[in-house]
Amino acid sequence: MTSRSRSALALLAAAAIAAALFGAATPTAVAAEGDMSWGVQPSTPSGPDGRSELSYQVAPGTVVSDWVAVTNYSPVAATLRVYAADAVTDYDTAAFTLINADETSTRAGSWTSVDGASAACPDTDDDAERACAATVGITVTLDPGARADIPFTLTVPVDATPGDHAAGIVASYVADAAVGEGAAVAVEQRVGTRIYLRVDGPLSPGMGVQGAVAGYEPSLNPVGGGTARTGFDISNLGNTRISVQPEVALVGPFGIALGSFTLPAVQNIVPGGTAHVEAEMPGVAPLFLLSSEITLTPIPAGGVAATDPLPAAVTASTVAWAVPWMLLAILLALGVVLSVVMMVRRRSRRLLAEDLADYEEQIRAEERARSVVSRHPDGHDSSPALESEAVR
């Protein structure tokens, strides 16, 4: 019996888009699934033209006509579904990616029709919507080594908002993967090319930083530095794509500089997108209080956004306790040992003083006893007799 898992399909598709497809720097994005290998790239009616992405700057109401090439590099025939989907910025990886395969596009992906096929489904958020989403686009079967140059149209609504919109055209391959005896899941892998669309009108770039948190993991070495961690979210608050260069400076009490570092740039965050960034710095001295000072500096984004006015830089800060627990534990243990030693010494001195006092008292008592015996050896007082003899 064969079962199909939408969650597994969506998860793999999202991972493939984020990592293998749109992360490629070459004009052709290529995916591989077992013996299957295929690619997608911008094209013309007569074949690929070397573009690395589909980029347009148009007025509202414009209809853009263009082509993509889908190539089967496999030794066997491949049946692929080719369709457009909305693009988003992946929160966890900050990468350009697409919505899940079982979601319907509502923005630039829904404006893009591949070879005249349906591009959108009713946004009902139910099984009917998900079933519809699995049918958009066209299906092509390519012989080994064959290429299909496929036309598409991008119809920009007359009321489209100014600024940047993003989507992608993908070629999807679905295969059954065994997960147990007699069971399988449908695994989809997608490879595609980006669409960057700029709609004419006022531009308002903007960005923000939220959710800043910091933490500190002390070292097991009581005199060694620990690891400082900082996390924060970068949000695109404007209507243009932005790229950001994050920097983090670590500051201790009284403004003591503990180090700073520049993180890899976060590229092409789409409008409305949010990217989560985490950083760690080892060897940070545990000075009890640690402040992470975050600075986000805008840098030019790709394509038509490269010449956009940049938003203002933004800053944020967060604090964490940086306590040298191992050192404190050792100091506490030494304090306990020292206290015990001092207590034992004080007790020993007190007992010795008491013994000395008892001994001195014993000596004095013995001296008094000897004095009495020496004056009265027979036990009688001889003073009157001596006085009488002296009178005679």
Foldseek 3Di string as FASTA:
>chain_A
DEDADLVQQQVQAQVQQFPQAAVDPFQWGWDDDPQWIKIKGWAAQVTRDRDNFAEEEEAAQDKDKGKMKIWTQGQFKAKWFKAKFFWAQDAEPLGIGGGGQQAFHDPQQQQKAWQNWHRGDPRPPDPVSSVVSNPTGDMDIAGNGDMDIIMMMGGGHNPHDFAKTKMWIKIKGWDWDDDDVPYTYIHIYIHTHMYIYGYDDDWDWDKDKDDKDKEWDADLPLFWWTKIKIKIKMATQIRYWWKKWKKKWKADPPGRTQDIDTDDISAGHHHGHMYMDMDMDTGGGQRQKMKIKMKIDIAQHDDPSNPPDHYDIDIDMYMYTRDSVNNVVVVVVVVVVVVVVVVVVVVVVVVVVVVVVVVVVVVVVVVVVVVVCVCCVPNDHCPVVVVVVVVD
